[in-house]
Amino acid sequence: MLNKFHVSALSAVLTFPALTGCQRISQHSAAWPDQVLALLGKEKKPELHVEDTAEVSKAAQLRLEKLLNHLPANQWVYLENAQQGTADLQNKSDQNVILSLRLNCKITSQRPSFSLSGADGKTLLNAYDDSAGAVQFLLDNKNFGNPFDLHHAKKLENFKLALMSAKNIKIFNASKLYAFQNNQAELLQKPVSCREP
């Protein structure tokens, strides 16, 4: 069941182009889409009619989907569900492809990973899909191969270090190239939910 979501680009602050520095969302709530405000607890009270009923978990899922559709492009955004103890980092490209990077796992026994999903929410690629073929990550056009290769743990550490100063991330797989800007890269140090080994 999905409940309350927290979204931030720097701790409790969601960074959008309209905000500078560490301004609080409440100072600029008039300029924010209703979907974002709703997930941050700043929504107007809904009008209910006697004949209308809603399943809370379904409503929360719809609200999350609306928020994800309005995430800023070309930067990292930290999404956290405090009640379920889950967190994710997402970066949306201009083509509405979403890259989720899980580099620093909340539970250390879990393995770092990544996934790509399309605008429709379907998974395009993930870190441990043996049928996907070769995956290459390029940071500012420097090729790091597949840093999530289980047989070369040192690759991941070098990739994480280079990622902190990179401007662009490209992923090449099956004759397709996916490109992302690496704005708000400091968020990549935040712990997130990873997959089980």
N, C-alpha and C. Protein backbone atom coordinates (compact mmCIF):
# COMPACT_ATOMS: atom_id res chain seq x y z
N MET A 1 0.85 -1.19 0.00
CA MET A 1 0.00 0.00 0.00
C MET A 1 0.88 1.23 0.00
N LEU A 2 0.65 2.13 -0.91
CA LEU A 2 1.41 3.36 -0.97
C LEU A 2 0.74 4.41 -0.12
N ASN A 3 1.52 5.12 0.66
CA ASN A 3 0.93 6.11 1.55
C ASN A 3 1.49 7.49 1.21
N LYS A 4 2.28 8.03 2.09
CA LYS A 4 2.78 9.39 1.91
C LYS A 4 4.18 9.34 1.30
N PHE A 5 4.41 10.15 0.31
CA PHE A 5 5.70 10.18 -0.37
C PHE A 5 6.38 11.50 -0.07
N HIS A 6 7.69 11.43 0.06
CA HIS A 6 8.50 12.63 0.20
C HIS A 6 9.38 12.72 -1.03
N VAL A 7 9.50 13.90 -1.57
CA VAL A 7 10.33 14.11 -2.75
C VAL A 7 11.30 15.21 -2.41
N SER A 8 12.58 14.98 -2.71
CA SER A 8 13.52 16.06 -2.45
C SER A 8 14.63 16.05 -3.44
N ALA A 9 15.19 17.21 -3.64
CA ALA A 9 16.39 17.32 -4.43
C ALA A 9 17.55 17.73 -3.54
N LEU A 10 17.28 18.19 -2.35
CA LEU A 10 18.28 18.43 -1.32
C LEU A 10 17.57 18.28 0.02
N SER A 11 17.62 17.12 0.61
CA SER A 11 16.93 16.78 1.85
C SER A 11 15.44 17.01 1.69
N ALA A 12 14.88 17.96 2.46
CA ALA A 12 13.43 18.17 2.42
C ALA A 12 13.04 19.22 1.40
N VAL A 13 13.91 19.53 0.47
CA VAL A 13 13.62 20.56 -0.51
C VAL A 13 13.61 19.92 -1.89
N LEU A 14 12.57 20.16 -2.65
CA LEU A 14 12.49 19.69 -4.03
C LEU A 14 12.97 20.80 -4.92
N THR A 15 13.99 20.56 -5.72
CA THR A 15 14.57 21.60 -6.55
C THR A 15 13.96 21.58 -7.93
N PHE A 16 13.38 22.68 -8.31
CA PHE A 16 12.87 22.90 -9.65
C PHE A 16 13.52 24.17 -10.15
N PRO A 17 13.51 24.40 -11.45
CA PRO A 17 14.15 25.60 -11.98
C PRO A 17 13.62 26.90 -11.36
N ALA A 18 12.38 26.91 -10.87
CA ALA A 18 11.80 28.13 -10.31
C ALA A 18 12.41 28.49 -8.96
N LEU A 19 13.04 27.52 -8.28
CA LEU A 19 13.61 27.76 -6.97
C LEU A 19 15.12 27.90 -7.06
N THR A 20 15.66 28.72 -6.18
CA THR A 20 17.11 28.83 -6.11
C THR A 20 17.54 28.56 -4.69
N GLY A 21 18.76 28.06 -4.55
CA GLY A 21 19.30 27.80 -3.23
C GLY A 21 18.46 26.79 -2.48
N CYS A 22 18.16 27.10 -1.23
CA CYS A 22 17.42 26.19 -0.38
C CYS A 22 16.07 26.78 0.02
N GLN A 23 15.38 27.39 -0.90
CA GLN A 23 14.07 27.95 -0.60
C GLN A 23 13.10 26.82 -0.32
N ARG A 24 12.19 27.03 0.56
CA ARG A 24 11.22 26.01 0.94
C ARG A 24 10.05 26.00 -0.02
N ILE A 25 9.47 24.84 -0.20
CA ILE A 25 8.34 24.67 -1.11
C ILE A 25 7.17 25.54 -0.69
N SER A 26 6.91 25.67 0.60
CA SER A 26 5.76 26.43 1.05
C SER A 26 5.83 27.89 0.63
N GLN A 27 7.03 28.41 0.42
CA GLN A 27 7.16 29.80 -0.01
C GLN A 27 6.73 30.00 -1.45
N HIS A 28 6.70 28.92 -2.22
CA HIS A 28 6.41 29.03 -3.65
C HIS A 28 5.27 28.11 -4.06
N SER A 29 4.41 27.75 -3.14
CA SER A 29 3.39 26.74 -3.43
C SER A 29 2.42 27.16 -4.51
N ALA A 30 2.21 28.45 -4.72
CA ALA A 30 1.26 28.89 -5.74
C ALA A 30 1.73 28.53 -7.14
N ALA A 31 3.04 28.41 -7.34
CA ALA A 31 3.58 28.14 -8.67
C ALA A 31 3.73 26.65 -8.96
N TRP A 32 3.42 25.79 -7.99
CA TRP A 32 3.65 24.35 -8.15
C TRP A 32 2.40 23.67 -8.67
N PRO A 33 2.56 22.64 -9.52
CA PRO A 33 1.40 21.87 -9.99
C PRO A 33 0.69 21.19 -8.82
N ASP A 34 -0.63 21.06 -8.93
CA ASP A 34 -1.41 20.44 -7.86
C ASP A 34 -0.91 19.06 -7.51
N GLN A 35 -0.42 18.30 -8.50
CA GLN A 35 0.02 16.94 -8.24
C GLN A 35 1.22 16.92 -7.30
N VAL A 36 2.16 17.84 -7.47
CA VAL A 36 3.33 17.89 -6.61
C VAL A 36 2.93 18.31 -5.21
N LEU A 37 2.09 19.35 -5.12
CA LEU A 37 1.65 19.82 -3.81
C LEU A 37 0.88 18.73 -3.06
N ALA A 38 0.09 17.96 -3.76
CA ALA A 38 -0.69 16.92 -3.13
C ALA A 38 0.20 15.89 -2.46
N LEU A 39 1.28 15.50 -3.11
CA LEU A 39 2.18 14.51 -2.53
C LEU A 39 2.99 15.09 -1.38
N LEU A 40 3.09 16.38 -1.31
CA LEU A 40 3.85 17.01 -0.24
C LEU A 40 2.94 17.47 0.90
N GLY A 41 1.67 17.06 0.86
CA GLY A 41 0.74 17.41 1.93
C GLY A 41 0.26 18.84 1.87
N LYS A 42 0.35 19.48 0.73
CA LYS A 42 -0.05 20.88 0.59
C LYS A 42 -1.32 21.01 -0.25
N GLU A 43 -2.06 19.93 -0.40
CA GLU A 43 -3.22 19.97 -1.27
C GLU A 43 -4.44 20.57 -0.59
N LYS A 44 -5.40 21.01 -1.41
CA LYS A 44 -6.67 21.48 -0.90
C LYS A 44 -7.49 20.28 -0.48
N LYS A 45 -8.36 20.46 0.47
CA LYS A 45 -9.23 19.37 0.92
C LYS A 45 -10.18 18.99 -0.22
N PRO A 46 -10.26 17.70 -0.55
CA PRO A 46 -11.15 17.30 -1.64
C PRO A 46 -12.61 17.39 -1.23
N GLU A 47 -13.45 17.67 -2.19
CA GLU A 47 -14.89 17.66 -1.94
C GLU A 47 -15.39 16.25 -2.19
N LEU A 48 -16.06 15.68 -1.20
CA LEU A 48 -16.54 14.31 -1.33
C LEU A 48 -18.06 14.32 -1.46
N HIS A 49 -18.52 13.45 -2.31
CA HIS A 49 -19.95 13.26 -2.47
C HIS A 49 -20.30 11.90 -1.88
N VAL A 50 -21.50 11.78 -1.37
CA VAL A 50 -21.92 10.55 -0.70
C VAL A 50 -21.73 9.32 -1.60
N GLU A 51 -22.01 9.46 -2.90
CA GLU A 51 -21.92 8.31 -3.80
C GLU A 51 -20.49 7.99 -4.23
N ASP A 52 -19.53 8.87 -3.93
CA ASP A 52 -18.15 8.65 -4.36
C ASP A 52 -17.36 7.91 -3.27
N THR A 53 -16.64 6.90 -3.69
CA THR A 53 -15.72 6.20 -2.79
C THR A 53 -14.40 6.03 -3.52
N ALA A 54 -13.33 5.92 -2.78
CA ALA A 54 -12.02 5.72 -3.39
C ALA A 54 -11.19 4.80 -2.52
N GLU A 55 -10.47 3.90 -3.16
CA GLU A 55 -9.55 3.02 -2.46
C GLU A 55 -8.27 3.81 -2.24
N VAL A 56 -7.82 3.91 -0.99
CA VAL A 56 -6.69 4.77 -0.66
C VAL A 56 -5.42 4.33 -1.40
N SER A 57 -5.14 3.03 -1.45
CA SER A 57 -3.91 2.59 -2.09
C SER A 57 -3.93 2.91 -3.58
N LYS A 58 -5.08 2.79 -4.23
CA LYS A 58 -5.19 3.11 -5.65
C LYS A 58 -5.03 4.62 -5.85
N ALA A 59 -5.62 5.41 -4.99
CA ALA A 59 -5.51 6.86 -5.09
C ALA A 59 -4.05 7.29 -4.91
N ALA A 60 -3.37 6.68 -3.95
CA ALA A 60 -1.97 7.03 -3.73
C ALA A 60 -1.12 6.66 -4.94
N GLN A 61 -1.39 5.52 -5.55
CA GLN A 61 -0.65 5.10 -6.73
C GLN A 61 -0.89 6.07 -7.89
N LEU A 62 -2.12 6.51 -8.07
CA LEU A 62 -2.42 7.47 -9.13
C LEU A 62 -1.72 8.79 -8.89
N ARG A 63 -1.69 9.22 -7.64
CA ARG A 63 -1.02 10.47 -7.30
C ARG A 63 0.48 10.36 -7.57
N LEU A 64 1.07 9.20 -7.24
CA LEU A 64 2.48 9.00 -7.51
C LEU A 64 2.75 9.04 -9.02
N GLU A 65 1.91 8.37 -9.80
CA GLU A 65 2.08 8.36 -11.25
C GLU A 65 2.00 9.78 -11.82
N LYS A 66 1.07 10.58 -11.31
CA LYS A 66 0.95 11.96 -11.78
C LYS A 66 2.21 12.76 -11.43
N LEU A 67 2.72 12.54 -10.21
CA LEU A 67 3.94 13.24 -9.81
C LEU A 67 5.10 12.85 -10.72
N LEU A 68 5.25 11.55 -10.99
CA LEU A 68 6.35 11.09 -11.82
C LEU A 68 6.26 11.66 -13.23
N ASN A 69 5.05 11.88 -13.71
CA ASN A 69 4.87 12.49 -15.03
C ASN A 69 5.30 13.95 -15.05
N HIS A 70 5.35 14.59 -13.89
CA HIS A 70 5.69 16.01 -13.82
C HIS A 70 7.06 16.26 -13.19
N LEU A 71 7.87 15.21 -13.05
CA LEU A 71 9.21 15.40 -12.51
C LEU A 71 10.02 16.27 -13.46
N PRO A 72 10.91 17.07 -12.93
CA PRO A 72 11.76 17.87 -13.82
C PRO A 72 12.70 16.95 -14.60
N ALA A 73 12.98 17.31 -15.83
CA ALA A 73 13.89 16.52 -16.66
C ALA A 73 15.33 16.98 -16.43
N ASN A 74 16.25 16.09 -16.78
CA ASN A 74 17.68 16.40 -16.81
C ASN A 74 18.30 16.70 -15.45
N GLN A 75 17.79 16.06 -14.41
CA GLN A 75 18.41 16.18 -13.10
C GLN A 75 17.96 15.00 -12.23
N TRP A 76 18.73 14.74 -11.18
CA TRP A 76 18.38 13.68 -10.24
C TRP A 76 17.31 14.17 -9.27
N VAL A 77 16.37 13.31 -8.97
CA VAL A 77 15.32 13.60 -7.99
C VAL A 77 15.26 12.41 -7.04
N TYR A 78 15.23 12.71 -5.76
CA TYR A 78 15.18 11.68 -4.72
C TYR A 78 13.72 11.48 -4.31
N LEU A 79 13.23 10.24 -4.42
CA LEU A 79 11.86 9.90 -4.06
C LEU A 79 11.91 8.96 -2.86
N GLU A 80 11.19 9.31 -1.81
CA GLU A 80 11.21 8.48 -0.60
C GLU A 80 9.81 8.24 -0.09
N ASN A 81 9.53 6.98 0.26
CA ASN A 81 8.29 6.60 0.93
C ASN A 81 8.71 6.21 2.34
N ALA A 82 8.59 7.14 3.27
CA ALA A 82 9.07 6.92 4.63
C ALA A 82 8.31 5.81 5.33
N GLN A 83 7.02 5.67 5.07
CA GLN A 83 6.23 4.65 5.73
C GLN A 83 6.62 3.24 5.30
N GLN A 84 7.04 3.08 4.05
CA GLN A 84 7.48 1.76 3.59
C GLN A 84 8.99 1.60 3.68
N GLY A 85 9.69 2.67 3.99
CA GLY A 85 11.14 2.61 4.12
C GLY A 85 11.85 2.44 2.80
N THR A 86 11.26 2.94 1.70
CA THR A 86 11.89 2.81 0.39
C THR A 86 12.32 4.17 -0.13
N ALA A 87 13.34 4.16 -0.97
CA ALA A 87 13.83 5.39 -1.58
C ALA A 87 14.42 5.05 -2.94
N ASP A 88 14.34 6.01 -3.87
CA ASP A 88 14.87 5.81 -5.21
C ASP A 88 15.39 7.13 -5.74
N LEU A 89 16.34 7.07 -6.64
CA LEU A 89 16.87 8.23 -7.34
C LEU A 89 16.54 8.08 -8.80
N GLN A 90 15.90 9.10 -9.36
CA GLN A 90 15.50 9.02 -10.76
C GLN A 90 15.94 10.26 -11.53
N ASN A 91 16.24 10.03 -12.81
CA ASN A 91 16.64 11.09 -13.71
C ASN A 91 15.88 10.88 -15.01
N LYS A 92 15.07 11.88 -15.40
CA LYS A 92 14.25 11.77 -16.60
C LYS A 92 14.91 12.53 -17.76
N SER A 93 15.04 11.85 -18.90
CA SER A 93 15.64 12.48 -20.07
C SER A 93 14.60 13.32 -20.81
N ASP A 94 15.05 14.04 -21.82
CA ASP A 94 14.14 14.82 -22.65
C ASP A 94 13.18 13.92 -23.42
N GLN A 95 13.56 12.65 -23.61
CA GLN A 95 12.71 11.69 -24.32
C GLN A 95 11.81 10.92 -23.35
N ASN A 96 11.73 11.37 -22.10
CA ASN A 96 10.91 10.76 -21.05
C ASN A 96 11.33 9.34 -20.70
N VAL A 97 12.59 9.01 -20.91
CA VAL A 97 13.15 7.75 -20.41
C VAL A 97 13.68 8.04 -19.02
N ILE A 98 13.39 7.15 -18.07
CA ILE A 98 13.79 7.37 -16.69
C ILE A 98 14.90 6.40 -16.31
N LEU A 99 16.00 6.96 -15.81
CA LEU A 99 17.12 6.18 -15.29
C LEU A 99 17.02 6.18 -13.77
N SER A 100 16.97 5.00 -13.18
CA SER A 100 17.05 4.85 -11.73
C SER A 100 18.41 4.25 -11.41
N LEU A 101 19.18 4.95 -10.61
CA LEU A 101 20.49 4.45 -10.18
C LEU A 101 20.43 4.14 -8.70
N ARG A 102 20.87 2.95 -8.36
CA ARG A 102 20.91 2.52 -6.96
C ARG A 102 22.36 2.19 -6.63
N LEU A 103 23.11 3.19 -6.21
CA LEU A 103 24.54 3.02 -5.97
C LEU A 103 24.87 2.77 -4.51
N ASN A 104 24.19 3.45 -3.61
CA ASN A 104 24.45 3.33 -2.17
C ASN A 104 23.23 2.70 -1.51
N CYS A 105 23.31 1.41 -1.28
CA CYS A 105 22.17 0.65 -0.77
C CYS A 105 21.97 0.89 0.72
N LYS A 106 20.70 1.10 1.11
CA LYS A 106 20.36 1.23 2.53
C LYS A 106 20.75 -0.03 3.30
N ILE A 107 20.51 -1.18 2.68
CA ILE A 107 20.86 -2.47 3.27
C ILE A 107 22.11 -2.96 2.56
N THR A 108 23.22 -3.05 3.29
CA THR A 108 24.52 -3.31 2.66
C THR A 108 24.62 -4.68 2.02
N SER A 109 23.76 -5.61 2.39
CA SER A 109 23.81 -6.93 1.76
C SER A 109 23.16 -6.94 0.37
N GLN A 110 22.45 -5.86 0.03
CA GLN A 110 21.84 -5.77 -1.29
C GLN A 110 22.85 -5.23 -2.28
N ARG A 111 22.64 -5.54 -3.56
CA ARG A 111 23.61 -5.12 -4.57
C ARG A 111 23.14 -3.87 -5.32
N PRO A 112 24.09 -2.99 -5.63
CA PRO A 112 23.76 -1.81 -6.43
C PRO A 112 23.23 -2.23 -7.80
N SER A 113 22.42 -1.37 -8.39
CA SER A 113 21.84 -1.69 -9.69
C SER A 113 21.38 -0.42 -10.39
N PHE A 114 20.84 -0.61 -11.58
CA PHE A 114 20.22 0.48 -12.32
C PHE A 114 19.06 -0.10 -13.11
N SER A 115 18.18 0.77 -13.55
CA SER A 115 17.13 0.36 -14.48
C SER A 115 16.75 1.55 -15.35
N LEU A 116 16.30 1.23 -16.55
CA LEU A 116 15.77 2.22 -17.48
C LEU A 116 14.32 1.86 -17.74
N SER A 117 13.45 2.85 -17.71
CA SER A 117 12.05 2.60 -18.05
C SER A 117 11.58 3.68 -19.02
N GLY A 118 10.64 3.28 -19.88
CA GLY A 118 10.12 4.20 -20.87
C GLY A 118 9.04 5.09 -20.31
N ALA A 119 8.52 5.98 -21.14
CA ALA A 119 7.47 6.91 -20.73
C ALA A 119 6.22 6.16 -20.28
N ASP A 120 6.03 4.95 -20.78
CA ASP A 120 4.87 4.14 -20.40
C ASP A 120 5.09 3.37 -19.10
N GLY A 121 6.28 3.51 -18.49
CA GLY A 121 6.58 2.83 -17.24
C GLY A 121 7.15 1.43 -17.41
N LYS A 122 7.22 0.94 -18.64
CA LYS A 122 7.75 -0.41 -18.88
C LYS A 122 9.28 -0.40 -18.80
N THR A 123 9.82 -1.45 -18.21
CA THR A 123 11.27 -1.57 -18.08
C THR A 123 11.91 -1.82 -19.44
N LEU A 124 12.91 -1.00 -19.77
CA LEU A 124 13.65 -1.16 -21.01
C LEU A 124 14.93 -1.96 -20.80
N LEU A 125 15.54 -1.78 -19.63
CA LEU A 125 16.83 -2.40 -19.35
C LEU A 125 17.06 -2.36 -17.85
N ASN A 126 17.70 -3.41 -17.32
CA ASN A 126 18.12 -3.36 -15.92
C ASN A 126 19.48 -4.02 -15.76
N ALA A 127 20.07 -3.83 -14.63
CA ALA A 127 21.47 -4.18 -14.41
C ALA A 127 21.77 -5.67 -14.58
N TYR A 128 20.90 -6.54 -14.18
CA TYR A 128 21.26 -7.95 -14.14
C TYR A 128 20.41 -8.80 -15.08
N ASP A 129 20.07 -8.24 -16.23
CA ASP A 129 19.31 -8.96 -17.24
C ASP A 129 20.29 -9.62 -18.21
N ASP A 130 20.47 -10.94 -18.06
CA ASP A 130 21.43 -11.66 -18.89
C ASP A 130 21.07 -11.64 -20.37
N SER A 131 19.79 -11.46 -20.68
CA SER A 131 19.36 -11.49 -22.08
C SER A 131 19.51 -10.13 -22.78
N ALA A 132 19.92 -9.10 -22.05
CA ALA A 132 19.98 -7.74 -22.61
C ALA A 132 21.18 -7.52 -23.52
N GLY A 133 22.20 -8.34 -23.42
CA GLY A 133 23.41 -8.12 -24.20
C GLY A 133 24.34 -7.13 -23.50
N ALA A 134 25.34 -6.69 -24.23
CA ALA A 134 26.35 -5.79 -23.66
C ALA A 134 25.75 -4.43 -23.33
N VAL A 135 26.14 -3.91 -22.17
CA VAL A 135 25.72 -2.58 -21.71
C VAL A 135 26.98 -1.75 -21.50
N GLN A 136 26.96 -0.53 -22.02
CA GLN A 136 28.10 0.36 -21.84
C GLN A 136 27.61 1.69 -21.26
N PHE A 137 28.25 2.12 -20.18
CA PHE A 137 28.00 3.43 -19.59
C PHE A 137 29.11 4.36 -20.03
N LEU A 138 28.74 5.55 -20.49
CA LEU A 138 29.71 6.56 -20.86
C LEU A 138 29.45 7.80 -20.01
N LEU A 139 30.48 8.26 -19.33
CA LEU A 139 30.40 9.49 -18.55
C LEU A 139 31.24 10.53 -19.27
N ASP A 140 30.60 11.58 -19.75
CA ASP A 140 31.28 12.60 -20.55
C ASP A 140 32.08 11.93 -21.68
N ASN A 141 31.46 10.94 -22.31
CA ASN A 141 31.99 10.17 -23.44
C ASN A 141 33.17 9.26 -23.10
N LYS A 142 33.49 9.07 -21.80
CA LYS A 142 34.50 8.09 -21.40
C LYS A 142 33.77 6.79 -21.09
N ASN A 143 34.17 5.71 -21.72
CA ASN A 143 33.48 4.43 -21.62
C ASN A 143 33.90 3.68 -20.34
N PHE A 144 32.91 3.35 -19.51
CA PHE A 144 33.14 2.59 -18.29
C PHE A 144 32.63 1.15 -18.41
N GLY A 145 32.24 0.76 -19.62
CA GLY A 145 31.70 -0.59 -19.79
C GLY A 145 30.45 -0.76 -18.95
N ASN A 146 30.27 -1.94 -18.39
CA ASN A 146 29.15 -2.18 -17.47
C ASN A 146 29.68 -2.20 -16.04
N PRO A 147 29.55 -1.09 -15.31
CA PRO A 147 30.08 -1.04 -13.94
C PRO A 147 29.35 -1.96 -12.97
N PHE A 148 28.22 -2.52 -13.39
CA PHE A 148 27.46 -3.41 -12.52
C PHE A 148 27.80 -4.88 -12.77
N ASP A 149 28.85 -5.13 -13.54
CA ASP A 149 29.33 -6.48 -13.81
C ASP A 149 29.77 -7.10 -12.47
N LEU A 150 29.17 -8.21 -12.11
CA LEU A 150 29.44 -8.84 -10.82
C LEU A 150 30.87 -9.34 -10.67
N HIS A 151 31.56 -9.53 -11.78
CA HIS A 151 32.91 -10.08 -11.74
C HIS A 151 34.00 -9.02 -11.63
N HIS A 152 33.61 -7.75 -11.69
CA HIS A 152 34.60 -6.67 -11.63
C HIS A 152 34.09 -5.57 -10.69
N ALA A 153 34.15 -5.82 -9.40
CA ALA A 153 33.63 -4.88 -8.40
C ALA A 153 34.37 -3.55 -8.44
N LYS A 154 35.64 -3.55 -8.82
CA LYS A 154 36.43 -2.31 -8.86
C LYS A 154 35.85 -1.32 -9.89
N LYS A 155 35.23 -1.85 -10.96
CA LYS A 155 34.63 -0.98 -11.98
C LYS A 155 33.57 -0.08 -11.36
N LEU A 156 32.77 -0.62 -10.48
CA LEU A 156 31.69 0.15 -9.87
C LEU A 156 32.25 1.30 -9.02
N GLU A 157 33.29 1.04 -8.26
CA GLU A 157 33.87 2.10 -7.43
C GLU A 157 34.44 3.22 -8.29
N ASN A 158 35.13 2.87 -9.38
CA ASN A 158 35.66 3.89 -10.30
C ASN A 158 34.53 4.68 -10.96
N PHE A 159 33.46 3.97 -11.33
CA PHE A 159 32.30 4.61 -11.95
C PHE A 159 31.65 5.59 -10.98
N LYS A 160 31.44 5.18 -9.74
CA LYS A 160 30.82 6.05 -8.73
C LYS A 160 31.64 7.32 -8.52
N LEU A 161 32.94 7.17 -8.48
CA LEU A 161 33.82 8.32 -8.28
C LEU A 161 33.73 9.28 -9.46
N ALA A 162 33.79 8.75 -10.68
CA ALA A 162 33.72 9.60 -11.87
C ALA A 162 32.35 10.23 -12.04
N LEU A 163 31.32 9.56 -11.60
CA LEU A 163 29.95 10.04 -11.75
C LEU A 163 29.71 11.35 -10.99
N MET A 164 30.43 11.55 -9.89
CA MET A 164 30.21 12.74 -9.08
C MET A 164 30.59 14.03 -9.81
N SER A 165 31.48 13.95 -10.79
CA SER A 165 31.88 15.17 -11.51
C SER A 165 31.45 15.17 -12.98
N ALA A 166 30.82 14.10 -13.43
CA ALA A 166 30.40 14.01 -14.84
C ALA A 166 29.25 14.97 -15.14
N LYS A 167 29.20 15.46 -16.35
CA LYS A 167 28.11 16.32 -16.79
C LYS A 167 27.02 15.53 -17.50
N ASN A 168 27.41 14.48 -18.23
CA ASN A 168 26.47 13.69 -19.01
C ASN A 168 26.65 12.20 -18.76
N ILE A 169 25.54 11.48 -18.80
CA ILE A 169 25.54 10.03 -18.68
C ILE A 169 24.89 9.48 -19.94
N LYS A 170 25.57 8.54 -20.59
CA LYS A 170 24.99 7.87 -21.75
C LYS A 170 25.04 6.37 -21.49
N ILE A 171 24.01 5.69 -21.93
CA ILE A 171 23.95 4.24 -21.81
C ILE A 171 23.68 3.69 -23.19
N PHE A 172 24.57 2.78 -23.63
CA PHE A 172 24.43 2.18 -24.95
C PHE A 172 24.13 0.70 -24.79
N ASN A 173 23.06 0.24 -25.45
CA ASN A 173 22.67 -1.17 -25.41
C ASN A 173 21.82 -1.48 -26.62
N ALA A 174 22.10 -2.60 -27.27
CA ALA A 174 21.30 -3.11 -28.39
C ALA A 174 21.04 -2.02 -29.44
N SER A 175 22.09 -1.34 -29.84
CA SER A 175 22.04 -0.29 -30.87
C SER A 175 21.20 0.92 -30.47
N LYS A 176 20.92 1.07 -29.19
CA LYS A 176 20.17 2.24 -28.71
C LYS A 176 21.04 3.03 -27.73
N LEU A 177 20.92 4.35 -27.82
CA LEU A 177 21.67 5.22 -26.94
C LEU A 177 20.70 6.06 -26.12
N TYR A 178 20.86 6.02 -24.81
CA TYR A 178 20.02 6.80 -23.89
C TYR A 178 20.93 7.85 -23.25
N ALA A 179 20.50 9.11 -23.23
CA ALA A 179 21.33 10.19 -22.72
C ALA A 179 20.62 10.96 -21.61
N PHE A 180 21.38 11.29 -20.57
CA PHE A 180 20.87 12.00 -19.40
C PHE A 180 21.88 13.06 -18.98
N GLN A 181 21.38 14.16 -18.45
CA GLN A 181 22.25 15.15 -17.84
C GLN A 181 22.40 14.79 -16.36
N ASN A 182 23.55 15.06 -15.82
CA ASN A 182 23.87 14.62 -14.46
C ASN A 182 23.77 15.76 -13.44
N ASN A 183 22.74 16.60 -13.57
CA ASN A 183 22.55 17.70 -12.62
C ASN A 183 22.07 17.15 -11.27
N GLN A 184 22.43 17.82 -10.20
CA GLN A 184 22.12 17.42 -8.82
C GLN A 184 22.81 16.09 -8.47
N ALA A 185 24.02 15.89 -8.98
CA ALA A 185 24.75 14.63 -8.79
C ALA A 185 25.04 14.34 -7.32
N GLU A 186 25.04 15.37 -6.47
CA GLU A 186 25.29 15.13 -5.04
C GLU A 186 24.24 14.22 -4.41
N LEU A 187 23.05 14.16 -5.03
CA LEU A 187 22.01 13.27 -4.51
C LEU A 187 22.35 11.80 -4.67
N LEU A 188 23.28 11.48 -5.55
CA LEU A 188 23.67 10.09 -5.78
C LEU A 188 24.35 9.48 -4.56
N GLN A 189 24.73 10.29 -3.61
CA GLN A 189 25.34 9.78 -2.38
C GLN A 189 24.29 9.33 -1.36
N LYS A 190 23.03 9.66 -1.58
CA LYS A 190 21.98 9.29 -0.64
C LYS A 190 21.70 7.79 -0.71
N PRO A 191 21.42 7.17 0.44
CA PRO A 191 21.10 5.74 0.44
C PRO A 191 19.72 5.48 -0.16
N VAL A 192 19.62 4.43 -0.95
CA VAL A 192 18.38 4.08 -1.63
C VAL A 192 18.08 2.59 -1.44
N SER A 193 16.91 2.18 -1.89
CA SER A 193 16.51 0.78 -1.82
C SER A 193 17.07 0.05 -3.03
N CYS A 194 17.78 -1.03 -2.76
CA CYS A 194 18.40 -1.82 -3.83
C CYS A 194 17.75 -3.19 -3.89
N ARG A 195 18.17 -3.99 -4.83
CA ARG A 195 17.59 -5.32 -4.99
C ARG A 195 18.34 -6.34 -4.12
N GLU A 196 17.65 -7.42 -3.82
CA GLU A 196 18.27 -8.50 -3.04
C GLU A 196 19.32 -9.20 -3.89
N PRO A 197 20.40 -9.71 -3.26
CA PRO A 197 21.44 -10.41 -4.03
C PRO A 197 20.94 -11.74 -4.57
